[in-house]
Amino acid sequence: MQRIGCHFFYCRLLLTGAPLIAIHREPYYKRSDGLALGPGPFVKGLEYAADCESEVVGKPSPAFFRSALGDINPAHAVMIGDVRVACFNYVPK
């Protein structure tokens, strides 16, 4: 019961205006013993439950890529990622 109460606590915070900040929205990641759920399903669940939208501060957010590039023109950069769809759909133009 303690764990469930903890998750509802997060929802209450979000419902009262706390921001939902996510490192990324990937649905899974690879571990040595196979695939595991990533933060994506949990972020989506909290967004739905609290009727809010998360701010992604890690990949695949455009702000993440811009901060990594600094003053480098994106046209002159090469990006290597682990999940093609997640990474390349958000590369700043």
C-alpha atoms as a PDB file:
ATOM      1  CA  MET A   1       0.000   0.000   0.000  1.00  0.00           C
ATOM      2  CA  GLN A   2       2.897   2.369   0.659  1.00  0.00           C
ATOM      3  CA  ARG A   3       4.024   2.209  -2.999  1.00  0.00           C
ATOM      4  CA  ILE A   4       0.557   3.048  -4.349  1.00  0.00           C
ATOM      5  CA  GLY A   5       0.251   5.981  -1.976  1.00  0.00           C
ATOM      6  CA  CYS A   6       3.602   7.248  -3.187  1.00  0.00           C
ATOM      7  CA  HIS A   7       2.411   7.300  -6.820  1.00  0.00           C
ATOM      8  CA  PHE A   8      -0.793   9.109  -5.873  1.00  0.00           C
ATOM      9  CA  PHE A   9       1.351  11.658  -4.048  1.00  0.00           C
ATOM     10  CA  TYR A  10       3.111  12.437  -7.333  1.00  0.00           C
ATOM     11  CA  CYS A  11      -0.253  12.868  -9.022  1.00  0.00           C
ATOM     12  CA  ARG A  12      -1.452  15.224  -6.297  1.00  0.00           C
ATOM     13  CA  LEU A  13       1.665  17.335  -6.757  1.00  0.00           C
ATOM     14  CA  LEU A  14       1.064  17.523 -10.498  1.00  0.00           C
ATOM     15  CA  LEU A  15      -2.618  18.369 -10.038  1.00  0.00           C
ATOM     16  CA  THR A  16      -1.622  21.330  -7.865  1.00  0.00           C
ATOM     17  CA  GLY A  17       0.703  22.724 -10.528  1.00  0.00           C
ATOM     18  CA  ALA A  18       4.066  21.022 -10.003  1.00  0.00           C
ATOM     19  CA  PRO A  19       5.900  20.506 -13.310  1.00  0.00           C
ATOM     20  CA  LEU A  20       6.410  17.004 -14.673  1.00  0.00           C
ATOM     21  CA  ILE A  21      10.007  16.828 -15.855  1.00  0.00           C
ATOM     22  CA  ALA A  22      11.126  13.707 -17.731  1.00  0.00           C
ATOM     23  CA  ILE A  23      14.619  12.602 -18.709  1.00  0.00           C
ATOM     24  CA  HIS A  24      13.151  10.969 -21.845  1.00  0.00           C
ATOM     25  CA  ARG A  25      10.020   9.200 -23.100  1.00  0.00           C
ATOM     26  CA  GLU A  26      11.482   5.988 -24.455  1.00  0.00           C
ATOM     27  CA  PRO A  27       9.168   2.998 -23.939  1.00  0.00           C
ATOM     28  CA  TYR A  28      11.982   0.563 -23.130  1.00  0.00           C
ATOM     29  CA  TYR A  29      15.712   0.153 -22.752  1.00  0.00           C
ATOM     30  CA  LYS A  30      18.017  -2.810 -23.115  1.00  0.00           C
ATOM     31  CA  ARG A  31      19.474  -4.514 -20.077  1.00  0.00           C
ATOM     32  CA  SER A  32      21.783  -7.502 -19.878  1.00  0.00           C
ATOM     33  CA  ASP A  33      18.764  -9.737 -19.165  1.00  0.00           C
ATOM     34  CA  GLY A  34      16.558  -8.302 -21.935  1.00  0.00           C
ATOM     35  CA  LEU A  35      14.275  -5.320 -22.396  1.00  0.00           C
ATOM     36  CA  ALA A  36      12.903  -3.320 -19.483  1.00  0.00           C
ATOM     37  CA  LEU A  37      10.277  -0.593 -19.314  1.00  0.00           C
ATOM     38  CA  GLY A  38      11.758   2.854 -19.708  1.00  0.00           C
ATOM     39  CA  PRO A  39      10.298   6.031 -18.267  1.00  0.00           C
ATOM     40  CA  GLY A  40       7.980   6.609 -21.245  1.00  0.00           C
ATOM     41  CA  PRO A  41       5.000   4.544 -20.079  1.00  0.00           C
ATOM     42  CA  PHE A  42       5.193   6.054 -16.596  1.00  0.00           C
ATOM     43  CA  VAL A  43       5.511   9.603 -17.925  1.00  0.00           C
ATOM     44  CA  LYS A  44       2.513   9.062 -20.227  1.00  0.00           C
ATOM     45  CA  GLY A  45       0.517   7.620 -17.319  1.00  0.00           C
ATOM     46  CA  LEU A  46       1.256  10.611 -15.119  1.00  0.00           C
ATOM     47  CA  GLU A  47       0.451  13.015 -17.970  1.00  0.00           C
ATOM     48  CA  TYR A  48      -2.900  11.309 -18.439  1.00  0.00           C
ATOM     49  CA  ALA A  49      -3.735  11.029 -14.741  1.00  0.00           C
ATOM     50  CA  ALA A  50      -2.824  14.627 -13.956  1.00  0.00           C
ATOM     51  CA  ASP A  51      -3.985  16.088 -17.284  1.00  0.00           C
ATOM     52  CA  CYS A  52      -0.619  17.741 -17.840  1.00  0.00           C
ATOM     53  CA  GLU A  53       2.253  17.616 -20.285  1.00  0.00           C
ATOM     54  CA  SER A  54       5.794  16.715 -19.326  1.00  0.00           C
ATOM     55  CA  GLU A  55       8.877  18.712 -20.188  1.00  0.00           C
ATOM     56  CA  VAL A  56      11.571  16.444 -21.588  1.00  0.00           C
ATOM     57  CA  VAL A  57      15.027  17.659 -20.583  1.00  0.00           C
ATOM     58  CA  GLY A  58      17.063  14.788 -22.008  1.00  0.00           C
ATOM     59  CA  LYS A  59      16.959  13.067 -25.342  1.00  0.00           C
ATOM     60  CA  PRO A  60      15.023  13.423 -27.525  1.00  0.00           C
ATOM     61  CA  SER A  61      14.278  17.072 -26.777  1.00  0.00           C
ATOM     62  CA  PRO A  62      15.506  19.774 -29.176  1.00  0.00           C
ATOM     63  CA  ALA A  63      16.868  21.719 -26.173  1.00  0.00           C
ATOM     64  CA  PHE A  64      19.040  18.724 -25.252  1.00  0.00           C
ATOM     65  CA  PHE A  65      20.596  18.624 -28.718  1.00  0.00           C
ATOM     66  CA  ARG A  66      21.025  22.401 -28.902  1.00  0.00           C
ATOM     67  CA  SER A  67      22.850  22.450 -25.575  1.00  0.00           C
ATOM     68  CA  ALA A  68      25.157  19.651 -26.740  1.00  0.00           C
ATOM     69  CA  LEU A  69      25.908  21.470 -30.000  1.00  0.00           C
ATOM     70  CA  GLY A  70      26.707  24.808 -28.391  1.00  0.00           C
ATOM     71  CA  ASP A  71      27.824  27.101 -31.225  1.00  0.00           C
ATOM     72  CA  ILE A  72      28.208  24.288 -33.767  1.00  0.00           C
ATOM     73  CA  ASN A  73      25.905  24.487 -36.773  1.00  0.00           C
ATOM     74  CA  PRO A  74      23.730  21.317 -36.787  1.00  0.00           C
ATOM     75  CA  ALA A  75      24.503  20.928 -40.507  1.00  0.00           C
ATOM     76  CA  HIS A  76      28.155  20.393 -39.536  1.00  0.00           C
ATOM     77  CA  ALA A  77      27.506  17.836 -36.800  1.00  0.00           C
ATOM     78  CA  VAL A  78      27.077  14.084 -36.713  1.00  0.00           C
ATOM     79  CA  MET A  79      24.822  12.489 -34.096  1.00  0.00           C
ATOM     80  CA  ILE A  80      24.994   8.817 -33.187  1.00  0.00           C
ATOM     81  CA  GLY A  81      22.060   7.517 -31.172  1.00  0.00           C
ATOM     82  CA  ASP A  82      20.774   4.275 -29.773  1.00  0.00           C
ATOM     83  CA  VAL A  83      17.167   4.600 -30.948  1.00  0.00           C
ATOM     84  CA  ARG A  84      16.862   5.990 -34.468  1.00  0.00           C
ATOM     85  CA  VAL A  85      13.275   7.205 -34.316  1.00  0.00           C
ATOM     86  CA  ALA A  86      13.661   8.900 -30.943  1.00  0.00           C
ATOM     87  CA  CYS A  87      16.912  10.630 -31.750  1.00  0.00           C
ATOM     88  CA  PHE A  88      16.607  11.698 -35.350  1.00  0.00           C
ATOM     89  CA  ASN A  89      13.085  13.068 -35.194  1.00  0.00           C
ATOM     90  CA  TYR A  90      14.263  15.745 -32.777  1.00  0.00           C
ATOM     91  CA  VAL A  91      17.567  16.899 -34.200  1.00  0.00           C
ATOM     92  CA  PRO A  92      17.367  20.695 -34.521  1.00  0.00           C
ATOM     93  CA  LYS A  93      17.424  21.991 -38.046  1.00  0.00           C
END
